mmCIF file of all heavy atoms, coordinates in Angstrom:
data_MODEL
# 
_entry.id   MODEL 
# 
loop_
_atom_site.group_PDB 
_atom_site.id 
_atom_site.type_symbol 
_atom_site.label_atom_id 
_atom_site.label_alt_id 
_atom_site.label_comp_id 
_atom_site.label_asym_id 
_atom_site.label_entity_id 
_atom_site.label_seq_id 
_atom_site.pdbx_PDB_ins_code 
_atom_site.Cartn_x 
_atom_site.Cartn_y 
_atom_site.Cartn_z 
_atom_site.occupancy 
_atom_site.B_iso_or_equiv 
_atom_site.pdbx_formal_charge 
_atom_site.auth_seq_id 
_atom_site.auth_comp_id 
_atom_site.auth_asym_id 
_atom_site.auth_atom_id 
_atom_site.pdbx_PDB_model_num 
ATOM 1   N N   . ASP A 1 1  ? 15.165 -35.097 43.910 1.00 0.00 ? 1  ASP A N   1 
ATOM 2   C CA  . ASP A 1 1  ? 14.549 -33.773 43.918 1.00 0.00 ? 1  ASP A CA  1 
ATOM 3   C C   . ASP A 1 1  ? 15.172 -32.803 42.930 1.00 0.00 ? 1  ASP A C   1 
ATOM 4   O O   . ASP A 1 1  ? 14.737 -31.673 42.815 1.00 0.00 ? 1  ASP A O   1 
ATOM 5   C CB  . ASP A 1 1  ? 14.590 -33.172 45.333 1.00 0.00 ? 1  ASP A CB  1 
ATOM 6   C CG  . ASP A 1 1  ? 16.004 -33.009 45.869 1.00 0.00 ? 1  ASP A CG  1 
ATOM 7   O OD1 . ASP A 1 1  ? 16.949 -32.930 45.071 1.00 0.00 ? 1  ASP A OD1 1 
ATOM 8   O OD2 . ASP A 1 1  ? 16.161 -32.937 47.102 1.00 0.00 ? 1  ASP A OD2 1 
ATOM 9   N N   . GLY A 1 2  ? 16.224 -33.243 42.230 1.00 0.00 ? 2  GLY A N   1 
ATOM 10  C CA  . GLY A 1 2  ? 16.802 -32.406 41.187 1.00 0.00 ? 2  GLY A CA  1 
ATOM 11  C C   . GLY A 1 2  ? 17.723 -31.306 41.658 1.00 0.00 ? 2  GLY A C   1 
ATOM 12  O O   . GLY A 1 2  ? 18.178 -30.486 40.847 1.00 0.00 ? 2  GLY A O   1 
ATOM 13  N N   . ARG A 1 3  ? 18.000 -31.229 42.978 1.00 0.00 ? 3  ARG A N   1 
ATOM 14  C CA  . ARG A 1 3  ? 18.947 -30.217 43.431 1.00 0.00 ? 3  ARG A CA  1 
ATOM 15  C C   . ARG A 1 3  ? 20.274 -30.410 42.714 1.00 0.00 ? 3  ARG A C   1 
ATOM 16  O O   . ARG A 1 3  ? 20.743 -31.517 42.531 1.00 0.00 ? 3  ARG A O   1 
ATOM 17  C CB  . ARG A 1 3  ? 19.152 -30.308 44.943 1.00 0.00 ? 3  ARG A CB  1 
ATOM 18  C CG  . ARG A 1 3  ? 18.025 -29.764 45.792 1.00 0.00 ? 3  ARG A CG  1 
ATOM 19  C CD  . ARG A 1 3  ? 18.340 -29.963 47.253 1.00 0.00 ? 3  ARG A CD  1 
ATOM 20  N NE  . ARG A 1 3  ? 18.408 -31.386 47.572 1.00 0.00 ? 3  ARG A NE  1 
ATOM 21  C CZ  . ARG A 1 3  ? 19.142 -31.897 48.552 1.00 0.00 ? 3  ARG A CZ  1 
ATOM 22  N NH1 . ARG A 1 3  ? 19.903 -31.110 49.281 1.00 0.00 ? 3  ARG A NH1 1 
ATOM 23  N NH2 . ARG A 1 3  ? 19.127 -33.190 48.796 1.00 0.00 ? 3  ARG A NH2 1 
ATOM 24  N N   . ARG A 1 4  ? 20.877 -29.277 42.337 1.00 0.00 ? 4  ARG A N   1 
ATOM 25  C CA  . ARG A 1 4  ? 22.107 -29.306 41.559 1.00 0.00 ? 4  ARG A CA  1 
ATOM 26  C C   . ARG A 1 4  ? 23.197 -28.488 42.231 1.00 0.00 ? 4  ARG A C   1 
ATOM 27  O O   . ARG A 1 4  ? 22.911 -27.543 42.977 1.00 0.00 ? 4  ARG A O   1 
ATOM 28  C CB  . ARG A 1 4  ? 21.861 -28.727 40.161 1.00 0.00 ? 4  ARG A CB  1 
ATOM 29  C CG  . ARG A 1 4  ? 20.914 -29.536 39.311 1.00 0.00 ? 4  ARG A CG  1 
ATOM 30  C CD  . ARG A 1 4  ? 20.391 -28.709 38.156 1.00 0.00 ? 4  ARG A CD  1 
ATOM 31  N NE  . ARG A 1 4  ? 19.664 -29.496 37.190 1.00 0.00 ? 4  ARG A NE  1 
ATOM 32  C CZ  . ARG A 1 4  ? 18.387 -29.836 37.307 1.00 0.00 ? 4  ARG A CZ  1 
ATOM 33  N NH1 . ARG A 1 4  ? 17.699 -29.458 38.358 1.00 0.00 ? 4  ARG A NH1 1 
ATOM 34  N NH2 . ARG A 1 4  ? 17.800 -30.547 36.361 1.00 0.00 ? 4  ARG A NH2 1 
ATOM 35  N N   . PHE A 1 5  ? 24.427 -28.855 41.945 1.00 0.00 ? 5  PHE A N   1 
ATOM 36  C CA  . PHE A 1 5  ? 25.589 -28.085 42.383 1.00 0.00 ? 5  PHE A CA  1 
ATOM 37  C C   . PHE A 1 5  ? 26.577 -28.056 41.244 1.00 0.00 ? 5  PHE A C   1 
ATOM 38  O O   . PHE A 1 5  ? 26.813 -29.068 40.575 1.00 0.00 ? 5  PHE A O   1 
ATOM 39  C CB  . PHE A 1 5  ? 26.231 -28.709 43.618 1.00 0.00 ? 5  PHE A CB  1 
ATOM 40  C CG  . PHE A 1 5  ? 27.489 -27.993 44.048 1.00 0.00 ? 5  PHE A CG  1 
ATOM 41  C CD1 . PHE A 1 5  ? 27.412 -26.836 44.784 1.00 0.00 ? 5  PHE A CD1 1 
ATOM 42  C CD2 . PHE A 1 5  ? 28.743 -28.469 43.669 1.00 0.00 ? 5  PHE A CD2 1 
ATOM 43  C CE1 . PHE A 1 5  ? 28.568 -26.161 45.151 1.00 0.00 ? 5  PHE A CE1 1 
ATOM 44  C CE2 . PHE A 1 5  ? 29.893 -27.812 44.037 1.00 0.00 ? 5  PHE A CE2 1 
ATOM 45  C CZ  . PHE A 1 5  ? 29.806 -26.653 44.785 1.00 0.00 ? 5  PHE A CZ  1 
ATOM 46  N N   . PHE A 1 6  ? 27.173 -26.878 41.034 1.00 0.00 ? 6  PHE A N   1 
ATOM 47  C CA  . PHE A 1 6  ? 28.187 -26.709 39.999 1.00 0.00 ? 6  PHE A CA  1 
ATOM 48  C C   . PHE A 1 6  ? 29.438 -26.120 40.615 1.00 0.00 ? 6  PHE A C   1 
ATOM 49  O O   . PHE A 1 6  ? 29.353 -25.207 41.447 1.00 0.00 ? 6  PHE A O   1 
ATOM 50  C CB  . PHE A 1 6  ? 27.691 -25.777 38.892 1.00 0.00 ? 6  PHE A CB  1 
ATOM 51  C CG  . PHE A 1 6  ? 26.495 -26.294 38.154 1.00 0.00 ? 6  PHE A CG  1 
ATOM 52  C CD1 . PHE A 1 6  ? 25.216 -25.968 38.568 1.00 0.00 ? 6  PHE A CD1 1 
ATOM 53  C CD2 . PHE A 1 6  ? 26.648 -27.094 37.037 1.00 0.00 ? 6  PHE A CD2 1 
ATOM 54  C CE1 . PHE A 1 6  ? 24.109 -26.435 37.891 1.00 0.00 ? 6  PHE A CE1 1 
ATOM 55  C CE2 . PHE A 1 6  ? 25.546 -27.574 36.343 1.00 0.00 ? 6  PHE A CE2 1 
ATOM 56  C CZ  . PHE A 1 6  ? 24.271 -27.247 36.771 1.00 0.00 ? 6  PHE A CZ  1 
ATOM 57  N N   . GLU A 1 7  ? 30.578 -26.602 40.199 1.00 0.00 ? 7  GLU A N   1 
ATOM 58  C CA  . GLU A 1 7  ? 31.822 -25.998 40.640 1.00 0.00 ? 7  GLU A CA  1 
ATOM 59  C C   . GLU A 1 7  ? 31.962 -24.619 39.986 1.00 0.00 ? 7  GLU A C   1 
ATOM 60  O O   . GLU A 1 7  ? 31.401 -24.351 38.927 1.00 0.00 ? 7  GLU A O   1 
ATOM 61  C CB  . GLU A 1 7  ? 33.007 -26.890 40.299 1.00 0.00 ? 7  GLU A CB  1 
ATOM 62  C CG  . GLU A 1 7  ? 33.083 -28.142 41.165 1.00 0.00 ? 7  GLU A CG  1 
ATOM 63  C CD  . GLU A 1 7  ? 33.356 -27.838 42.627 1.00 0.00 ? 7  GLU A CD  1 
ATOM 64  O OE1 . GLU A 1 7  ? 33.695 -26.692 42.966 1.00 0.00 ? 7  GLU A OE1 1 
ATOM 65  O OE2 . GLU A 1 7  ? 33.221 -28.765 43.438 1.00 0.00 ? 7  GLU A OE2 1 
ATOM 66  N N   . ASP A 1 8  ? 32.741 -23.776 40.654 1.00 0.00 ? 8  ASP A N   1 
ATOM 67  C CA  . ASP A 1 8  ? 32.838 -22.386 40.216 1.00 0.00 ? 8  ASP A CA  1 
ATOM 68  C C   . ASP A 1 8  ? 33.324 -22.240 38.779 1.00 0.00 ? 8  ASP A C   1 
ATOM 69  O O   . ASP A 1 8  ? 32.878 -21.344 38.049 1.00 0.00 ? 8  ASP A O   1 
ATOM 70  C CB  . ASP A 1 8  ? 33.765 -21.609 41.154 1.00 0.00 ? 8  ASP A CB  1 
ATOM 71  C CG  . ASP A 1 8  ? 33.163 -21.410 42.537 1.00 0.00 ? 8  ASP A CG  1 
ATOM 72  O OD1 . ASP A 1 8  ? 31.935 -21.602 42.670 1.00 0.00 ? 8  ASP A OD1 1 
ATOM 73  O OD2 . ASP A 1 8  ? 33.921 -21.072 43.461 1.00 0.00 ? 8  ASP A OD2 1 
ATOM 74  N N   . PHE A 1 9  ? 34.227 -23.109 38.348 1.00 0.00 ? 9  PHE A N   1 
ATOM 75  C CA  . PHE A 1 9  ? 34.814 -22.926 37.023 1.00 0.00 ? 9  PHE A CA  1 
ATOM 76  C C   . PHE A 1 9  ? 33.789 -23.163 35.904 1.00 0.00 ? 9  PHE A C   1 
ATOM 77  O O   . PHE A 1 9  ? 34.011 -22.795 34.768 1.00 0.00 ? 9  PHE A O   1 
ATOM 78  C CB  . PHE A 1 9  ? 36.020 -23.850 36.820 1.00 0.00 ? 9  PHE A CB  1 
ATOM 79  C CG  . PHE A 1 9  ? 35.709 -25.320 36.864 1.00 0.00 ? 9  PHE A CG  1 
ATOM 80  C CD1 . PHE A 1 9  ? 35.150 -25.962 35.769 1.00 0.00 ? 9  PHE A CD1 1 
ATOM 81  C CD2 . PHE A 1 9  ? 35.970 -26.059 37.997 1.00 0.00 ? 9  PHE A CD2 1 
ATOM 82  C CE1 . PHE A 1 9  ? 34.862 -27.316 35.799 1.00 0.00 ? 9  PHE A CE1 1 
ATOM 83  C CE2 . PHE A 1 9  ? 35.688 -27.415 38.058 1.00 0.00 ? 9  PHE A CE2 1 
ATOM 84  C CZ  . PHE A 1 9  ? 35.131 -28.042 36.955 1.00 0.00 ? 9  PHE A CZ  1 
ATOM 85  N N   . VAL A 1 10 ? 32.649 -23.765 36.245 1.00 0.00 ? 10 VAL A N   1 
ATOM 86  C CA  . VAL A 1 10 ? 31.628 -23.985 35.218 1.00 0.00 ? 10 VAL A CA  1 
ATOM 87  C C   . VAL A 1 10 ? 31.074 -22.654 34.721 1.00 0.00 ? 10 VAL A C   1 
ATOM 88  O O   . VAL A 1 10 ? 30.809 -22.490 33.530 1.00 0.00 ? 10 VAL A O   1 
ATOM 89  C CB  . VAL A 1 10 ? 30.501 -24.876 35.787 1.00 0.00 ? 10 VAL A CB  1 
ATOM 90  C CG1 . VAL A 1 10 ? 29.304 -24.894 34.846 1.00 0.00 ? 10 VAL A CG1 1 
ATOM 91  C CG2 . VAL A 1 10 ? 31.015 -26.293 36.023 1.00 0.00 ? 10 VAL A CG2 1 
ATOM 92  N N   . MET A 1 11 ? 30.885 -21.714 35.621 1.00 0.00 ? 11 MET A N   1 
ATOM 93  C CA  . MET A 1 11 ? 30.505 -20.332 35.278 1.00 0.00 ? 11 MET A CA  1 
ATOM 94  C C   . MET A 1 11 ? 29.306 -20.273 34.331 1.00 0.00 ? 11 MET A C   1 
ATOM 95  O O   . MET A 1 11 ? 29.304 -19.539 33.341 1.00 0.00 ? 11 MET A O   1 
ATOM 96  C CB  . MET A 1 11 ? 31.706 -19.597 34.663 1.00 0.00 ? 11 MET A CB  1 
ATOM 97  C CG  . MET A 1 11 ? 32.817 -19.348 35.677 1.00 0.00 ? 11 MET A CG  1 
ATOM 98  S SD  . MET A 1 11 ? 34.192 -18.370 34.990 1.00 0.00 ? 11 MET A SD  1 
ATOM 99  C CE  . MET A 1 11 ? 34.825 -19.514 33.780 1.00 0.00 ? 11 MET A CE  1 
ATOM 100 N N   . GLY A 1 12 ? 28.298 -21.082 34.594 1.00 0.00 ? 12 GLY A N   1 
ATOM 101 C CA  . GLY A 1 12 ? 27.084 -21.021 33.803 1.00 0.00 ? 12 GLY A CA  1 
ATOM 102 C C   . GLY A 1 12 ? 27.169 -21.683 32.442 1.00 0.00 ? 12 GLY A C   1 
ATOM 103 O O   . GLY A 1 12 ? 26.221 -21.625 31.664 1.00 0.00 ? 12 GLY A O   1 
ATOM 104 N N   . ARG A 1 13 ? 28.290 -22.318 32.137 1.00 0.00 ? 13 ARG A N   1 
ATOM 105 C CA  . ARG A 1 13 ? 28.463 -22.900 30.799 1.00 0.00 ? 13 ARG A CA  1 
ATOM 106 C C   . ARG A 1 13 ? 27.860 -24.297 30.683 1.00 0.00 ? 13 ARG A C   1 
ATOM 107 O O   . ARG A 1 13 ? 27.534 -24.747 29.578 1.00 0.00 ? 13 ARG A O   1 
ATOM 108 C CB  . ARG A 1 13 ? 29.953 -22.979 30.472 1.00 0.00 ? 13 ARG A CB  1 
ATOM 109 C CG  . ARG A 1 13 ? 30.659 -21.629 30.471 1.00 0.00 ? 13 ARG A CG  1 
ATOM 110 C CD  . ARG A 1 13 ? 32.132 -21.802 30.156 1.00 0.00 ? 13 ARG A CD  1 
ATOM 111 N NE  . ARG A 1 13 ? 32.795 -22.616 31.182 1.00 0.00 ? 13 ARG A NE  1 
ATOM 112 C CZ  . ARG A 1 13 ? 33.690 -23.565 30.913 1.00 0.00 ? 13 ARG A CZ  1 
ATOM 113 N NH1 . ARG A 1 13 ? 34.024 -23.818 29.663 1.00 0.00 ? 13 ARG A NH1 1 
ATOM 114 N NH2 . ARG A 1 13 ? 34.267 -24.244 31.898 1.00 0.00 ? 13 ARG A NH2 1 
ATOM 115 N N   . PHE A 1 14 ? 27.761 -25.015 31.794 1.00 0.00 ? 14 PHE A N   1 
ATOM 116 C CA  . PHE A 1 14 ? 27.315 -26.411 31.767 1.00 0.00 ? 14 PHE A CA  1 
ATOM 117 C C   . PHE A 1 14 ? 25.964 -26.539 32.467 1.00 0.00 ? 14 PHE A C   1 
ATOM 118 O O   . PHE A 1 14 ? 25.644 -25.785 33.390 1.00 0.00 ? 14 PHE A O   1 
ATOM 119 C CB  . PHE A 1 14 ? 28.309 -27.325 32.494 1.00 0.00 ? 14 PHE A CB  1 
ATOM 120 C CG  . PHE A 1 14 ? 29.705 -27.341 31.951 1.00 0.00 ? 14 PHE A CG  1 
ATOM 121 C CD1 . PHE A 1 14 ? 30.708 -28.040 32.627 1.00 0.00 ? 14 PHE A CD1 1 
ATOM 122 C CD2 . PHE A 1 14 ? 30.053 -26.696 30.782 1.00 0.00 ? 14 PHE A CD2 1 
ATOM 123 C CE1 . PHE A 1 14 ? 32.004 -28.078 32.153 1.00 0.00 ? 14 PHE A CE1 1 
ATOM 124 C CE2 . PHE A 1 14 ? 31.350 -26.721 30.284 1.00 0.00 ? 14 PHE A CE2 1 
ATOM 125 C CZ  . PHE A 1 14 ? 32.316 -27.414 30.983 1.00 0.00 ? 14 PHE A CZ  1 
ATOM 126 N N   . THR A 1 15 ? 25.189 -27.523 32.043 1.00 0.00 ? 15 THR A N   1 
ATOM 127 C CA  . THR A 1 15 ? 23.971 -27.888 32.759 1.00 0.00 ? 15 THR A CA  1 
ATOM 128 C C   . THR A 1 15 ? 23.980 -29.391 32.992 1.00 0.00 ? 15 THR A C   1 
ATOM 129 O O   . THR A 1 15 ? 24.504 -30.156 32.173 1.00 0.00 ? 15 THR A O   1 
ATOM 130 C CB  . THR A 1 15 ? 22.712 -27.495 31.984 1.00 0.00 ? 15 THR A CB  1 
ATOM 131 O OG1 . THR A 1 15 ? 22.739 -28.127 30.689 1.00 0.00 ? 15 THR A OG1 1 
ATOM 132 C CG2 . THR A 1 15 ? 22.605 -26.000 31.803 1.00 0.00 ? 15 THR A CG2 1 
ATOM 133 N N   . ILE A 1 16 ? 23.396 -29.801 34.104 1.00 0.00 ? 16 ILE A N   1 
ATOM 134 C CA  . ILE A 1 16 ? 23.256 -31.213 34.423 1.00 0.00 ? 16 ILE A CA  1 
ATOM 135 C C   . ILE A 1 16 ? 21.773 -31.515 34.508 1.00 0.00 ? 16 ILE A C   1 
ATOM 136 O O   . ILE A 1 16 ? 20.997 -30.746 35.079 1.00 0.00 ? 16 ILE A O   1 
ATOM 137 C CB  . ILE A 1 16 ? 23.997 -31.587 35.727 1.00 0.00 ? 16 ILE A CB  1 
ATOM 138 C CG1 . ILE A 1 16 ? 23.976 -33.094 35.967 1.00 0.00 ? 16 ILE A CG1 1 
ATOM 139 C CG2 . ILE A 1 16 ? 23.449 -30.824 36.929 1.00 0.00 ? 16 ILE A CG2 1 
ATOM 140 C CD1 . ILE A 1 16 ? 24.882 -33.544 37.121 1.00 0.00 ? 16 ILE A CD1 1 
ATOM 141 N N   . SER A 1 17 ? 21.372 -32.624 33.915 1.00 0.00 ? 17 SER A N   1 
ATOM 142 C CA  . SER A 1 17 ? 19.957 -32.975 33.897 1.00 0.00 ? 17 SER A CA  1 
ATOM 143 C C   . SER A 1 17 ? 19.809 -34.488 34.025 1.00 0.00 ? 17 SER A C   1 
ATOM 144 O O   . SER A 1 17 ? 20.789 -35.230 33.916 1.00 0.00 ? 17 SER A O   1 
ATOM 145 C CB  . SER A 1 17 ? 19.299 -32.483 32.609 1.00 0.00 ? 17 SER A CB  1 
ATOM 146 O OG  . SER A 1 17 ? 19.907 -33.073 31.475 1.00 0.00 ? 17 SER A OG  1 
ATOM 147 N N   . LYS A 1 18 ? 18.579 -34.928 34.244 1.00 0.00 ? 18 LYS A N   1 
ATOM 148 C CA  . LYS A 1 18 ? 18.313 -36.349 34.424 1.00 0.00 ? 18 LYS A CA  1 
ATOM 149 C C   . LYS A 1 18 ? 17.099 -36.767 33.624 1.00 0.00 ? 18 LYS A C   1 
ATOM 150 O O   . LYS A 1 18 ? 16.246 -35.937 33.303 1.00 0.00 ? 18 LYS A O   1 
ATOM 151 C CB  . LYS A 1 18 ? 18.124 -36.675 35.907 1.00 0.00 ? 18 LYS A CB  1 
ATOM 152 C CG  . LYS A 1 18 ? 16.919 -35.966 36.543 1.00 0.00 ? 18 LYS A CG  1 
ATOM 153 C CD  . LYS A 1 18 ? 16.884 -36.257 38.022 1.00 0.00 ? 18 LYS A CD  1 
ATOM 154 C CE  . LYS A 1 18 ? 15.697 -35.564 38.680 1.00 0.00 ? 18 LYS A CE  1 
ATOM 155 N NZ  . LYS A 1 18 ? 14.440 -36.277 38.436 1.00 0.00 ? 18 LYS A NZ  1 
ATOM 156 N N   . ASP A 1 19 ? 17.026 -38.033 33.330 1.00 0.00 ? 19 ASP A N   1 
ATOM 157 C CA  . ASP A 1 19 ? 15.874 -38.602 32.641 1.00 0.00 ? 19 ASP A CA  1 
ATOM 158 C C   . ASP A 1 19 ? 15.474 -39.855 33.408 1.00 0.00 ? 19 ASP A C   1 
ATOM 159 O O   . ASP A 1 19 ? 16.130 -40.891 33.304 1.00 0.00 ? 19 ASP A O   1 
ATOM 160 C CB  . ASP A 1 19 ? 16.225 -38.935 31.189 1.00 0.00 ? 19 ASP A CB  1 
ATOM 161 C CG  . ASP A 1 19 ? 15.027 -39.382 30.377 1.00 0.00 ? 19 ASP A CG  1 
ATOM 162 O OD1 . ASP A 1 19 ? 14.131 -40.037 30.938 1.00 0.00 ? 19 ASP A OD1 1 
ATOM 163 O OD2 . ASP A 1 19 ? 14.999 -39.085 29.171 1.00 0.00 ? 19 ASP A OD2 1 
ATOM 164 N N   . ASN A 1 20 ? 14.401 -39.740 34.170 1.00 0.00 ? 20 ASN A N   1 
ATOM 165 C CA  . ASN A 1 20 ? 13.978 -40.868 35.005 1.00 0.00 ? 20 ASN A CA  1 
ATOM 166 C C   . ASN A 1 20 ? 13.634 -42.092 34.162 1.00 0.00 ? 20 ASN A C   1 
ATOM 167 O O   . ASN A 1 20 ? 13.950 -43.226 34.526 1.00 0.00 ? 20 ASN A O   1 
ATOM 168 C CB  . ASN A 1 20 ? 12.773 -40.467 35.855 1.00 0.00 ? 20 ASN A CB  1 
ATOM 169 C CG  . ASN A 1 20 ? 13.124 -39.447 36.913 1.00 0.00 ? 20 ASN A CG  1 
ATOM 170 O OD1 . ASN A 1 20 ? 14.284 -39.079 37.076 1.00 0.00 ? 20 ASN A OD1 1 
ATOM 171 N ND2 . ASN A 1 20 ? 12.125 -38.980 37.624 1.00 0.00 ? 20 ASN A ND2 1 
ATOM 172 N N   . ALA A 1 21 ? 12.997 -41.864 33.039 1.00 0.00 ? 21 ALA A N   1 
ATOM 173 C CA  . ALA A 1 21 ? 12.567 -42.982 32.202 1.00 0.00 ? 21 ALA A CA  1 
ATOM 174 C C   . ALA A 1 21 ? 13.748 -43.761 31.641 1.00 0.00 ? 21 ALA A C   1 
ATOM 175 O O   . ALA A 1 21 ? 13.680 -44.978 31.456 1.00 0.00 ? 21 ALA A O   1 
ATOM 176 C CB  . ALA A 1 21 ? 11.692 -42.479 31.072 1.00 0.00 ? 21 ALA A CB  1 
ATOM 177 N N   . LYS A 1 22 ? 14.851 -43.038 31.389 1.00 0.00 ? 22 LYS A N   1 
ATOM 178 C CA  . LYS A 1 22 ? 16.029 -43.684 30.807 1.00 0.00 ? 22 LYS A CA  1 
ATOM 179 C C   . LYS A 1 22 ? 17.067 -44.039 31.866 1.00 0.00 ? 22 LYS A C   1 
ATOM 180 O O   . LYS A 1 22 ? 18.113 -44.599 31.522 1.00 0.00 ? 22 LYS A O   1 
ATOM 181 C CB  . LYS A 1 22 ? 16.651 -42.785 29.746 1.00 0.00 ? 22 LYS A CB  1 
ATOM 182 C CG  . LYS A 1 22 ? 15.740 -42.580 28.548 1.00 0.00 ? 22 LYS A CG  1 
ATOM 183 C CD  . LYS A 1 22 ? 16.422 -41.768 27.467 1.00 0.00 ? 22 LYS A CD  1 
ATOM 184 C CE  . LYS A 1 22 ? 15.517 -41.634 26.248 1.00 0.00 ? 22 LYS A CE  1 
ATOM 185 N NZ  . LYS A 1 22 ? 16.144 -40.840 25.172 1.00 0.00 ? 22 LYS A NZ  1 
ATOM 186 N N   . ASN A 1 23 ? 16.789 -43.682 33.122 1.00 0.00 ? 23 ASN A N   1 
ATOM 187 C CA  . ASN A 1 23 ? 17.754 -43.997 34.194 1.00 0.00 ? 23 ASN A CA  1 
ATOM 188 C C   . ASN A 1 23 ? 19.127 -43.431 33.848 1.00 0.00 ? 23 ASN A C   1 
ATOM 189 O O   . ASN A 1 23 ? 20.151 -44.135 33.903 1.00 0.00 ? 23 ASN A O   1 
ATOM 190 C CB  . ASN A 1 23 ? 17.828 -45.515 34.401 1.00 0.00 ? 23 ASN A CB  1 
ATOM 191 C CG  . ASN A 1 23 ? 18.300 -45.917 35.773 1.00 0.00 ? 23 ASN A CG  1 
ATOM 192 O OD1 . ASN A 1 23 ? 18.090 -45.212 36.757 1.00 0.00 ? 23 ASN A OD1 1 
ATOM 193 N ND2 . ASN A 1 23 ? 18.949 -47.061 35.852 1.00 0.00 ? 23 ASN A ND2 1 
ATOM 194 N N   . ALA A 1 24 ? 19.130 -42.162 33.491 1.00 0.00 ? 24 ALA A N   1 
ATOM 195 C CA  . ALA A 1 24 ? 20.353 -41.549 32.962 1.00 0.00 ? 24 ALA A CA  1 
ATOM 196 C C   . ALA A 1 24 ? 20.498 -40.112 33.444 1.00 0.00 ? 24 ALA A C   1 
ATOM 197 O O   . ALA A 1 24 ? 19.522 -39.465 33.852 1.00 0.00 ? 24 ALA A O   1 
ATOM 198 C CB  . ALA A 1 24 ? 20.340 -41.577 31.439 1.00 0.00 ? 24 ALA A CB  1 
# 
C-alpha cells in the first residue's frame, strides 16, 4: 500500500519509493 515511515533525523531529506515492475 506504499505506507512509509522515516526516522526523525531524515528531516524531509530522503524519500523511499518502490517499483513493482522491477521488484525494487
